[in-house]
């Protein structure tokens, strides 16, 4: 490769404030993103869409994806 250049077909999204954690689903087509402000988002890298998770619990410790219904399950500890 003679030159380094960004790939024009790849979508990017910059989150502000910074990302605290990422939890992709098993196919990697959706990701649960949590940021340093305690907000949660569902991000689709394929389309670049970002959806805010309403009433996201800032105490969420573990995240699981249900493979059948694309559901996010949060565990907030005891």
Protein backbone atom coordinates (compact mmCIF):
# COMPACT_ATOMS: atom_id res chain seq x y z
CA UNK A 1 0.00 0.00 0.00
CA UNK A 2 1.57 3.24 -1.11
CA UNK A 3 -0.54 5.60 0.97
CA UNK A 4 -2.41 5.36 4.23
CA UNK A 5 -5.91 6.80 4.03
CA UNK A 6 -9.17 6.37 5.94
CA UNK A 7 -11.72 4.02 4.45
CA UNK A 8 -14.64 6.16 3.34
CA UNK A 9 -17.28 3.43 3.84
CA UNK A 10 -16.55 2.93 7.56
CA UNK A 11 -18.87 4.82 9.89
CA UNK A 12 -17.52 6.37 13.08
CA UNK A 13 -19.16 7.98 16.08
CA UNK A 14 -17.47 9.95 18.84
CA UNK A 15 -19.10 9.78 22.23
CA UNK A 16 -18.82 12.66 24.70
CA UNK A 17 -18.16 12.13 27.57
CA UNK A 18 -15.67 9.28 27.07
CA UNK A 19 -16.76 5.65 26.88
CA UNK A 20 -16.57 3.66 30.11
CA UNK A 21 -17.53 0.26 28.67
CA UNK A 22 -18.67 -1.55 25.53
CA UNK A 23 -20.71 -4.72 25.39
CA UNK A 24 -21.30 -6.01 21.84
CA UNK A 25 -24.00 -8.53 21.04
CA UNK A 26 -22.85 -11.93 19.77
CA UNK A 27 -22.85 -10.80 16.12
CA UNK A 28 -21.22 -7.45 16.85
CA UNK A 29 -23.95 -5.53 15.01
CA UNK A 30 -25.14 -3.72 18.14
CA UNK A 31 -23.25 -2.54 21.19
CA UNK A 32 -24.33 -1.30 24.57
CA UNK A 33 -22.15 1.71 25.30
CA UNK A 34 -21.89 3.30 28.75
CA UNK A 35 -20.11 6.60 29.22
CA UNK A 36 -18.40 8.32 32.13
CA UNK A 37 -21.58 10.31 32.85
CA UNK A 38 -23.47 7.06 33.54
CA UNK A 39 -25.63 7.20 30.39
CA UNK A 40 -26.35 4.11 28.29
CA UNK A 41 -26.72 3.88 24.51
CA UNK A 42 -27.36 1.19 21.92
CA UNK A 43 -24.94 1.81 19.05
CA UNK A 44 -25.09 0.14 15.64
CA UNK A 45 -21.71 0.42 13.89
CA UNK A 46 -23.25 -0.79 10.62
CA UNK A 47 -25.65 2.15 10.37
CA UNK A 48 -24.03 4.63 12.74
CA UNK A 49 -27.28 4.98 14.70
CA UNK A 50 -27.24 5.74 18.43
CA UNK A 51 -30.30 5.25 20.67
CA UNK A 52 -30.30 6.46 24.27
CA UNK A 53 -31.38 3.84 26.83
CA UNK A 54 -34.04 5.56 28.96
CA UNK A 55 -33.56 5.41 32.75
CA UNK A 56 -30.25 3.59 32.39
CA UNK A 57 -29.12 2.44 35.85
CA UNK A 58 -25.75 3.98 36.65
CA UNK A 59 -25.12 1.08 39.04
CA UNK A 60 -25.15 -1.52 36.22
CA UNK A 61 -22.28 -3.96 36.74
CA UNK A 62 -22.77 -6.70 34.14
CA UNK A 63 -24.56 -6.67 30.78
CA UNK A 64 -25.90 -9.66 28.85
CA UNK A 65 -27.49 -9.80 25.41
CA UNK A 66 -30.40 -12.18 24.81
CA UNK A 67 -29.69 -13.74 21.40
CA UNK A 68 -33.32 -14.44 20.54
CA UNK A 69 -34.96 -11.04 21.03
CA UNK A 70 -31.99 -8.60 21.01
CA UNK A 71 -32.71 -7.64 24.60
CA UNK A 72 -30.15 -6.16 26.98
CA UNK A 73 -30.21 -7.50 30.55
CA UNK A 74 -28.44 -5.43 33.20
CA UNK A 75 -27.28 -6.68 36.58
CA UNK A 76 -26.93 -3.92 39.13
CA UNK A 77 -25.50 -5.89 42.07
CA UNK A 78 -26.79 -6.29 45.58
